[in-house]
Amino acid sequence: MTITHPEFFRTLQRLLLHSPYELVRDGATFRLGEGHVEIRLGPEESRRLGGFHLPRTLVELRFDHCEPGAVDGFLARFDRHFRRGGG
């Protein structure tokens, strides 16, 4: 993702506003239905495009014992919260 760790955590906290969650140094864990989700962030890197430097972070989502419908719903919300404008 083109995002820094602080930006990711700010957005994630808005996404999980109504869900209990636990933040850890490199991600977060929270319940989703009967299962749980683990989010892990890779190291912050930078991508250079001409004169631009963009932040880049590998984001890994792990779903454990989550119903497929709950996963689909969460991924749709995740995408809406982390979507960036552009053109």
PDB file of N, CA and C in Angstrom:
ATOM      1  N   MET A   1       0.842  -1.166   0.000  1.00  0.00           N
ATOM      2  CA  MET A   1       0.000   0.000   0.000  1.00  0.00           C
ATOM      3  C   MET A   1       0.896   1.240   0.000  1.00  0.00           C
ATOM      4  N   THR A   2       0.418   2.304  -0.608  1.00  0.00           N
ATOM      5  CA  THR A   2       1.137   3.571  -0.609  1.00  0.00           C
ATOM      6  C   THR A   2       0.706   4.345   0.627  1.00  0.00           C
ATOM      7  N   ILE A   3       1.352   4.011   1.768  1.00  0.00           N
ATOM      8  CA  ILE A   3       0.951   4.587   3.046  1.00  0.00           C
ATOM      9  C   ILE A   3       2.088   4.415   4.053  1.00  0.00           C
ATOM     10  N   THR A   4       2.186   5.354   4.992  1.00  0.00           N
ATOM     11  CA  THR A   4       3.143   5.210   6.083  1.00  0.00           C
ATOM     12  C   THR A   4       2.468   4.457   7.228  1.00  0.00           C
ATOM     13  N   HIS A   5       3.249   3.970   8.162  1.00  0.00           N
ATOM     14  CA  HIS A   5       2.674   3.274   9.318  1.00  0.00           C
ATOM     15  C   HIS A   5       1.740   4.186  10.122  1.00  0.00           C
ATOM     16  N   PRO A   6       2.155   5.429  10.459  1.00  0.00           N
ATOM     17  CA  PRO A   6       1.234   6.293  11.219  1.00  0.00           C
ATOM     18  C   PRO A   6      -0.088   6.546  10.486  1.00  0.00           C
ATOM     19  N   GLU A   7      -0.029   6.771   9.172  1.00  0.00           N
ATOM     20  CA  GLU A   7      -1.270   6.971   8.400  1.00  0.00           C
ATOM     21  C   GLU A   7      -2.130   5.714   8.431  1.00  0.00           C
ATOM     22  N   PHE A   8      -1.489   4.546   8.316  1.00  0.00           N
ATOM     23  CA  PHE A   8      -2.225   3.292   8.331  1.00  0.00           C
ATOM     24  C   PHE A   8      -2.967   3.125   9.657  1.00  0.00           C
ATOM     25  N   PHE A   9      -2.280   3.350  10.767  1.00  0.00           N
ATOM     26  CA  PHE A   9      -2.907   3.163  12.082  1.00  0.00           C
ATOM     27  C   PHE A   9      -4.031   4.171  12.318  1.00  0.00           C
ATOM     28  N   ARG A  10      -3.873   5.415  11.862  1.00  0.00           N
ATOM     29  CA  ARG A  10      -4.965   6.398  12.003  1.00  0.00           C
ATOM     30  C   ARG A  10      -6.204   5.939  11.253  1.00  0.00           C
ATOM     31  N   THR A  11      -6.023   5.483  10.033  1.00  0.00           N
ATOM     32  CA  THR A  11      -7.153   5.027   9.232  1.00  0.00           C
ATOM     33  C   THR A  11      -7.747   3.748   9.812  1.00  0.00           C
ATOM     34  N   LEU A  12      -6.914   2.835  10.253  1.00  0.00           N
ATOM     35  CA  LEU A  12      -7.387   1.576  10.829  1.00  0.00           C
ATOM     36  C   LEU A  12      -8.247   1.834  12.062  1.00  0.00           C
ATOM     37  N   GLN A  13      -7.848   2.771  12.908  1.00  0.00           N
ATOM     38  CA  GLN A  13      -8.634   3.068  14.106  1.00  0.00           C
ATOM     39  C   GLN A  13     -10.012   3.598  13.744  1.00  0.00           C
ATOM     40  N   ARG A  14     -10.126   4.362  12.661  1.00  0.00           N
ATOM     41  CA  ARG A  14     -11.449   4.815  12.206  1.00  0.00           C
ATOM     42  C   ARG A  14     -12.259   3.643  11.662  1.00  0.00           C
ATOM     43  N   LEU A  15     -11.598   2.724  10.968  1.00  0.00           N
ATOM     44  CA  LEU A  15     -12.273   1.547  10.418  1.00  0.00           C
ATOM     45  C   LEU A  15     -12.818   0.657  11.532  1.00  0.00           C
ATOM     46  N   LEU A  16     -12.055   0.491  12.601  1.00  0.00           N
ATOM     47  CA  LEU A  16     -12.430  -0.418  13.685  1.00  0.00           C
ATOM     48  C   LEU A  16     -13.093   0.305  14.853  1.00  0.00           C
ATOM     49  N   LEU A  17     -13.616   1.495  14.614  1.00  0.00           N
ATOM     50  CA  LEU A  17     -14.176   2.345  15.659  1.00  0.00           C
ATOM     51  C   LEU A  17     -15.151   1.602  16.573  1.00  0.00           C
ATOM     52  N   HIS A  18     -15.986   0.744  16.024  1.00  0.00           N
ATOM     53  CA  HIS A  18     -17.015   0.066  16.816  1.00  0.00           C
ATOM     54  C   HIS A  18     -16.660  -1.379  17.141  1.00  0.00           C
ATOM     55  N   SER A  19     -15.422  -1.756  16.938  1.00  0.00           N
ATOM     56  CA  SER A  19     -14.985  -3.124  17.214  1.00  0.00           C
ATOM     57  C   SER A  19     -13.843  -3.097  18.213  1.00  0.00           C
ATOM     58  N   PRO A  20     -13.862  -3.998  19.194  1.00  0.00           N
ATOM     59  CA  PRO A  20     -12.693  -4.081  20.074  1.00  0.00           C
ATOM     60  C   PRO A  20     -11.493  -4.605  19.288  1.00  0.00           C
ATOM     61  N   TYR A  21     -10.353  -3.990  19.474  1.00  0.00           N
ATOM     62  CA  TYR A  21      -9.148  -4.395  18.761  1.00  0.00           C
ATOM     63  C   TYR A  21      -7.944  -4.174  19.659  1.00  0.00           C
ATOM     64  N   GLU A  22      -6.846  -4.792  19.269  1.00  0.00           N
ATOM     65  CA  GLU A  22      -5.584  -4.618  19.988  1.00  0.00           C
ATOM     66  C   GLU A  22      -4.530  -4.199  18.979  1.00  0.00           C
ATOM     67  N   LEU A  23      -3.922  -3.040  19.225  1.00  0.00           N
ATOM     68  CA  LEU A  23      -2.829  -2.586  18.367  1.00  0.00           C
ATOM     69  C   LEU A  23      -1.522  -3.131  18.911  1.00  0.00           C
ATOM     70  N   VAL A  24      -0.676  -3.562  18.010  1.00  0.00           N
ATOM     71  CA  VAL A  24       0.678  -3.975  18.348  1.00  0.00           C
ATOM     72  C   VAL A  24       1.622  -3.158  17.472  1.00  0.00           C
ATOM     73  N   ARG A  25       2.904  -3.240  17.743  1.00  0.00           N
ATOM     74  CA  ARG A  25       3.874  -2.400  17.038  1.00  0.00           C
ATOM     75  C   ARG A  25       3.770  -2.521  15.517  1.00  0.00           C
ATOM     76  N   ASP A  26       3.558  -3.720  15.021  1.00  0.00           N
ATOM     77  CA  ASP A  26       3.556  -3.923  13.568  1.00  0.00           C
ATOM     78  C   ASP A  26       2.191  -4.349  13.027  1.00  0.00           C
ATOM     79  N   GLY A  27       1.103  -4.001  13.730  1.00  0.00           N
ATOM     80  CA  GLY A  27      -0.212  -4.348  13.215  1.00  0.00           C
ATOM     81  C   GLY A  27      -1.300  -4.304  14.260  1.00  0.00           C
ATOM     82  N   ALA A  28      -2.288  -5.175  14.070  1.00  0.00           N
ATOM     83  CA  ALA A  28      -3.443  -5.206  14.966  1.00  0.00           C
ATOM     84  C   ALA A  28      -4.116  -6.565  14.871  1.00  0.00           C
ATOM     85  N   THR A  29      -4.883  -6.891  15.907  1.00  0.00           N
ATOM     86  CA  THR A  29      -5.725  -8.087  15.888  1.00  0.00           C
ATOM     87  C   THR A  29      -7.102  -7.689  16.400  1.00  0.00           C
ATOM     88  N   PHE A  30      -8.124  -8.358  15.882  1.00  0.00           N
ATOM     89  CA  PHE A  30      -9.484  -8.093  16.330  1.00  0.00           C
ATOM     90  C   PHE A  30     -10.386  -9.252  15.926  1.00  0.00           C
ATOM     91  N   ARG A  31     -11.537  -9.321  16.579  1.00  0.00           N
ATOM     92  CA  ARG A  31     -12.508 -10.372  16.290  1.00  0.00           C
ATOM     93  C   ARG A  31     -13.353  -9.970  15.088  1.00  0.00           C
ATOM     94  N   LEU A  32     -13.703 -10.977  14.304  1.00  0.00           N
ATOM     95  CA  LEU A  32     -14.618 -10.782  13.181  1.00  0.00           C
ATOM     96  C   LEU A  32     -15.568 -11.961  13.215  1.00  0.00           C
ATOM     97  N   GLY A  33     -16.768 -11.738  13.706  1.00  0.00           N
ATOM     98  CA  GLY A  33     -17.712 -12.842  13.879  1.00  0.00           C
ATOM     99  C   GLY A  33     -17.165 -13.824  14.892  1.00  0.00           C
ATOM    100  N   GLU A  34     -17.141 -15.098  14.519  1.00  0.00           N
ATOM    101  CA  GLU A  34     -16.618 -16.146  15.393  1.00  0.00           C
ATOM    102  C   GLU A  34     -15.103 -16.309  15.264  1.00  0.00           C
ATOM    103  N   GLY A  35     -14.498 -15.620  14.317  1.00  0.00           N
ATOM    104  CA  GLY A  35     -13.060 -15.748  14.089  1.00  0.00           C
ATOM    105  C   GLY A  35     -12.317 -14.492  14.483  1.00  0.00           C
ATOM    106  N   HIS A  36     -11.101 -14.397  13.991  1.00  0.00           N
ATOM    107  CA  HIS A  36     -10.336 -13.178  14.241  1.00  0.00           C
ATOM    108  C   HIS A  36      -9.465 -12.851  13.040  1.00  0.00           C
ATOM    109  N   VAL A  37      -9.050 -11.594  13.005  1.00  0.00           N
ATOM    110  CA  VAL A  37      -8.237 -11.072  11.906  1.00  0.00           C
ATOM    111  C   VAL A  37      -6.928 -10.572  12.494  1.00  0.00           C
ATOM    112  N   GLU A  38      -5.866 -10.859  11.802  1.00  0.00           N
ATOM    113  CA  GLU A  38      -4.550 -10.365  12.189  1.00  0.00           C
ATOM    114  C   GLU A  38      -4.012  -9.545  11.018  1.00  0.00           C
ATOM    115  N   ILE A  39      -3.617  -8.319  11.297  1.00  0.00           N
ATOM    116  CA  ILE A  39      -3.033  -7.442  10.283  1.00  0.00           C
ATOM    117  C   ILE A  39      -1.583  -7.204  10.666  1.00  0.00           C
ATOM    118  N   ARG A  40      -0.687  -7.431   9.729  1.00  0.00           N
ATOM    119  CA  ARG A  40       0.741  -7.208   9.966  1.00  0.00           C
ATOM    120  C   ARG A  40       1.290  -6.284   8.880  1.00  0.00           C
ATOM    121  N   LEU A  41       2.095  -5.333   9.328  1.00  0.00           N
ATOM    122  CA  LEU A  41       2.724  -4.388   8.408  1.00  0.00           C
ATOM    123  C   LEU A  41       4.183  -4.744   8.219  1.00  0.00           C
ATOM    124  N   GLY A  42       4.629  -4.687   6.976  1.00  0.00           N
ATOM    125  CA  GLY A  42       6.045  -4.854   6.687  1.00  0.00           C
ATOM    126  C   GLY A  42       6.759  -3.547   6.972  1.00  0.00           C
ATOM    127  N   PRO A  43       8.057  -3.509   6.762  1.00  0.00           N
ATOM    128  CA  PRO A  43       8.806  -2.270   7.005  1.00  0.00           C
ATOM    129  C   PRO A  43       8.363  -1.166   6.045  1.00  0.00           C
ATOM    130  N   GLU A  44       8.445   0.064   6.518  1.00  0.00           N
ATOM    131  CA  GLU A  44       8.158   1.205   5.652  1.00  0.00           C
ATOM    132  C   GLU A  44       9.277   1.336   4.639  1.00  0.00           C
ATOM    133  N   GLU A  45       8.891   1.462   3.401  1.00  0.00           N
ATOM    134  CA  GLU A  45       9.852   1.648   2.321  1.00  0.00           C
ATOM    135  C   GLU A  45       9.441   2.867   1.517  1.00  0.00           C
ATOM    136  N   SER A  46      10.188   3.178   0.505  1.00  0.00           N
ATOM    137  CA  SER A  46       9.891   4.314  -0.352  1.00  0.00           C
ATOM    138  C   SER A  46       9.989   3.865  -1.796  1.00  0.00           C
ATOM    139  N   ARG A  47       9.064   4.334  -2.601  1.00  0.00           N
ATOM    140  CA  ARG A  47       9.097   4.041  -4.035  1.00  0.00           C
ATOM    141  C   ARG A  47       9.325   5.364  -4.754  1.00  0.00           C
ATOM    142  N   ARG A  48      10.258   5.336  -5.658  1.00  0.00           N
ATOM    143  CA  ARG A  48      10.594   6.556  -6.394  1.00  0.00           C
ATOM    144  C   ARG A  48       9.999   6.486  -7.792  1.00  0.00           C
ATOM    145  N   LEU A  49       9.254   7.526  -8.145  1.00  0.00           N
ATOM    146  CA  LEU A  49       8.677   7.660  -9.485  1.00  0.00           C
ATOM    147  C   LEU A  49       9.107   9.027 -10.011  1.00  0.00           C
ATOM    148  N   GLY A  50      10.148   9.034 -10.797  1.00  0.00           N
ATOM    149  CA  GLY A  50      10.702  10.305 -11.271  1.00  0.00           C
ATOM    150  C   GLY A  50      11.198  11.101 -10.081  1.00  0.00           C
ATOM    151  N   GLY A  51      10.656  12.307  -9.900  1.00  0.00           N
ATOM    152  CA  GLY A  51      11.045  13.153  -8.779  1.00  0.00           C
ATOM    153  C   GLY A  51      10.216  12.923  -7.525  1.00  0.00           C
ATOM    154  N   PHE A  52       9.258  12.016  -7.601  1.00  0.00           N
ATOM    155  CA  PHE A  52       8.383  11.749  -6.461  1.00  0.00           C
ATOM    156  C   PHE A  52       8.893  10.579  -5.645  1.00  0.00           C
ATOM    157  N   HIS A  53       8.748  10.692  -4.338  1.00  0.00           N
ATOM    158  CA  HIS A  53       9.023   9.582  -3.431  1.00  0.00           C
ATOM    159  C   HIS A  53       7.719   9.258  -2.724  1.00  0.00           C
ATOM    160  N   LEU A  54       7.250   8.034  -2.885  1.00  0.00           N
ATOM    161  CA  LEU A  54       6.004   7.616  -2.263  1.00  0.00           C
ATOM    162  C   LEU A  54       6.280   6.575  -1.192  1.00  0.00           C
ATOM    163  N   PRO A  55       5.587   6.675  -0.047  1.00  0.00           N
ATOM    164  CA  PRO A  55       5.762   5.647   0.975  1.00  0.00           C
ATOM    165  C   PRO A  55       5.165   4.341   0.489  1.00  0.00           C
ATOM    166  N   ARG A  56       5.721   3.251   0.965  1.00  0.00           N
ATOM    167  CA  ARG A  56       5.196   1.943   0.570  1.00  0.00           C
ATOM    168  C   ARG A  56       5.313   0.998   1.766  1.00  0.00           C
ATOM    169  N   THR A  57       4.219   0.316   2.058  1.00  0.00           N
ATOM    170  CA  THR A  57       4.179  -0.639   3.159  1.00  0.00           C
ATOM    171  C   THR A  57       3.450  -1.896   2.698  1.00  0.00           C
ATOM    172  N   LEU A  58       4.069  -3.038   2.907  1.00  0.00           N
ATOM    173  CA  LEU A  58       3.414  -4.311   2.643  1.00  0.00           C
ATOM    174  C   LEU A  58       2.441  -4.571   3.787  1.00  0.00           C
ATOM    175  N   VAL A  59       1.181  -4.864   3.460  1.00  0.00           N
ATOM    176  CA  VAL A  59       0.152  -5.128   4.463  1.00  0.00           C
ATOM    177  C   VAL A  59      -0.354  -6.540   4.260  1.00  0.00           C
ATOM    178  N   GLU A  60      -0.317  -7.332   5.318  1.00  0.00           N
ATOM    179  CA  GLU A  60      -0.777  -8.723   5.262  1.00  0.00           C
ATOM    180  C   GLU A  60      -2.004  -8.879   6.162  1.00  0.00           C
ATOM    181  N   LEU A  61      -3.074  -9.429   5.594  1.00  0.00           N
ATOM    182  CA  LEU A  61      -4.302  -9.697   6.337  1.00  0.00           C
ATOM    183  C   LEU A  61      -4.466 -11.204   6.458  1.00  0.00           C
ATOM    184  N   ARG A  62      -4.654 -11.685   7.689  1.00  0.00           N
ATOM    185  CA  ARG A  62      -4.885 -13.114   7.925  1.00  0.00           C
ATOM    186  C   ARG A  62      -6.236 -13.284   8.607  1.00  0.00           C
ATOM    187  N   PHE A  63      -7.071 -14.114   8.022  1.00  0.00           N
ATOM    188  CA  PHE A  63      -8.401 -14.385   8.560  1.00  0.00           C
ATOM    189  C   PHE A  63      -8.411 -15.799   9.098  1.00  0.00           C
ATOM    190  N   ASP A  64      -8.769 -15.946  10.371  1.00  0.00           N
ATOM    191  CA  ASP A  64      -8.766 -17.252  11.018  1.00  0.00           C
ATOM    192  C   ASP A  64     -10.185 -17.565  11.503  1.00  0.00           C
ATOM    193  N   HIS A  65     -10.771 -18.624  10.953  1.00  0.00           N
ATOM    194  CA  HIS A  65     -12.107 -19.095  11.333  1.00  0.00           C
ATOM    195  C   HIS A  65     -13.187 -18.037  11.119  1.00  0.00           C
ATOM    196  N   CYS A  66     -13.056 -17.223  10.075  1.00  0.00           N
ATOM    197  CA  CYS A  66     -14.047 -16.194   9.751  1.00  0.00           C
ATOM    198  C   CYS A  66     -14.961 -16.704   8.644  1.00  0.00           C
ATOM    199  N   GLU A  67     -16.240 -16.388   8.757  1.00  0.00           N
ATOM    200  CA  GLU A  67     -17.201 -16.743   7.716  1.00  0.00           C
ATOM    201  C   GLU A  67     -16.888 -15.959   6.438  1.00  0.00           C
ATOM    202  N   PRO A  68     -17.026 -16.598   5.268  1.00  0.00           N
ATOM    203  CA  PRO A  68     -16.719 -15.900   4.005  1.00  0.00           C
ATOM    204  C   PRO A  68     -17.470 -14.577   3.835  1.00  0.00           C
ATOM    205  N   GLY A  69     -18.734 -14.524   4.238  1.00  0.00           N
ATOM    206  CA  GLY A  69     -19.503 -13.282   4.117  1.00  0.00           C
ATOM    207  C   GLY A  69     -18.930 -12.174   4.990  1.00  0.00           C
ATOM    208  N   ALA A  70     -18.470 -12.540   6.191  1.00  0.00           N
ATOM    209  CA  ALA A  70     -17.866 -11.548   7.089  1.00  0.00           C
ATOM    210  C   ALA A  70     -16.556 -11.032   6.511  1.00  0.00           C
ATOM    211  N   VAL A  71     -15.775 -11.925   5.895  1.00  0.00           N
ATOM    212  CA  VAL A  71     -14.509 -11.516   5.268  1.00  0.00           C
ATOM    213  C   VAL A  71     -14.790 -10.566   4.118  1.00  0.00           C
ATOM    214  N   ASP A  72     -15.759 -10.913   3.261  1.00  0.00           N
ATOM    215  CA  ASP A  72     -16.099 -10.046   2.126  1.00  0.00           C
ATOM    216  C   ASP A  72     -16.549  -8.667   2.595  1.00  0.00           C
ATOM    217  N   GLY A  73     -17.382  -8.639   3.637  1.00  0.00           N
ATOM    218  CA  GLY A  73     -17.859  -7.365   4.170  1.00  0.00           C
ATOM    219  C   GLY A  73     -16.721  -6.534   4.743  1.00  0.00           C
ATOM    220  N   PHE A  74     -15.823  -7.188   5.485  1.00  0.00           N
ATOM    221  CA  PHE A  74     -14.689  -6.463   6.052  1.00  0.00           C
ATOM    222  C   PHE A  74     -13.789  -5.919   4.947  1.00  0.00           C
ATOM    223  N   LEU A  75     -13.496  -6.733   3.937  1.00  0.00           N
ATOM    224  CA  LEU A  75     -12.612  -6.276   2.853  1.00  0.00           C
ATOM    225  C   LEU A  75     -13.222  -5.100   2.098  1.00  0.00           C
ATOM    226  N   ALA A  76     -14.539  -5.085   1.925  1.00  0.00           N
ATOM    227  CA  ALA A  76     -15.197  -3.953   1.264  1.00  0.00           C
ATOM    228  C   ALA A  76     -15.037  -2.683   2.109  1.00  0.00           C
ATOM    229  N   ARG A  77     -15.235  -2.786   3.435  1.00  0.00           N
ATOM    230  CA  ARG A  77     -15.059  -1.635   4.329  1.00  0.00           C
ATOM    231  C   ARG A  77     -13.593  -1.189   4.352  1.00  0.00           C
ATOM    232  N   PHE A  78     -12.676  -2.163   4.403  1.00  0.00           N
ATOM    233  CA  PHE A  78     -11.241  -1.868   4.401  1.00  0.00           C
ATOM    234  C   PHE A  78     -10.885  -1.069   3.151  1.00  0.00           C
ATOM    235  N   ASP A  79     -11.361  -1.531   2.013  1.00  0.00           N
ATOM    236  CA  ASP A  79     -11.074  -0.854   0.745  1.00  0.00           C
ATOM    237  C   ASP A  79     -11.633   0.566   0.747  1.00  0.00           C
ATOM    238  N   ARG A  80     -12.855   0.756   1.230  1.00  0.00           N
ATOM    239  CA  ARG A  80     -13.448   2.104   1.258  1.00  0.00           C
ATOM    240  C   ARG A  80     -12.659   3.045   2.168  1.00  0.00           C
ATOM    241  N   HIS A  81     -12.227   2.561   3.325  1.00  0.00           N
ATOM    242  CA  HIS A  81     -11.494   3.415   4.263  1.00  0.00           C
ATOM    243  C   HIS A  81     -10.092   3.775   3.765  1.00  0.00           C
ATOM    244  N   PHE A  82      -9.469   2.869   3.047  1.00  0.00           N
ATOM    245  CA  PHE A  82      -8.082   3.099   2.627  1.00  0.00           C
ATOM    246  C   PHE A  82      -7.982   3.605   1.190  1.00  0.00           C
ATOM    247  N   ARG A  83      -9.100   3.755   0.516  1.00  0.00           N
ATOM    248  CA  ARG A  83      -9.084   4.259  -0.866  1.00  0.00           C
ATOM    249  C   ARG A  83      -8.551   5.686  -0.884  1.00  0.00           C
ATOM    250  N   ARG A  84      -7.693   5.936  -1.822  1.00  0.00           N
ATOM    251  CA  ARG A  84      -7.104   7.274  -1.997  1.00  0.00           C
ATOM    252  C   ARG A  84      -7.673   7.907  -3.248  1.00  0.00           C
ATOM    253  N   GLY A  85      -7.820   9.230  -3.213  1.00  0.00           N
ATOM    254  CA  GLY A  85      -8.266   9.956  -4.404  1.00  0.00           C
ATOM    255  C   GLY A  85      -7.164   9.983  -5.444  1.00  0.00           C
ATOM    256  N   GLY A  86      -7.516  10.239  -6.621  1.00  0.00           N
ATOM    257  CA  GLY A  86      -6.533  10.306  -7.691  1.00  0.00           C
ATOM    258  C   GLY A  86      -7.230  10.417  -9.025  1.00  0.00           C
ATOM    259  N   GLY A  87      -6.466  10.424 -10.052  1.00  0.00           N
ATOM    260  CA  GLY A  87      -7.124  10.543 -11.342  1.00  0.00           C
ATOM    261  C   GLY A  87      -6.176  10.277 -12.456  1.00  0.00           C
TER     262      GLY A  87
END
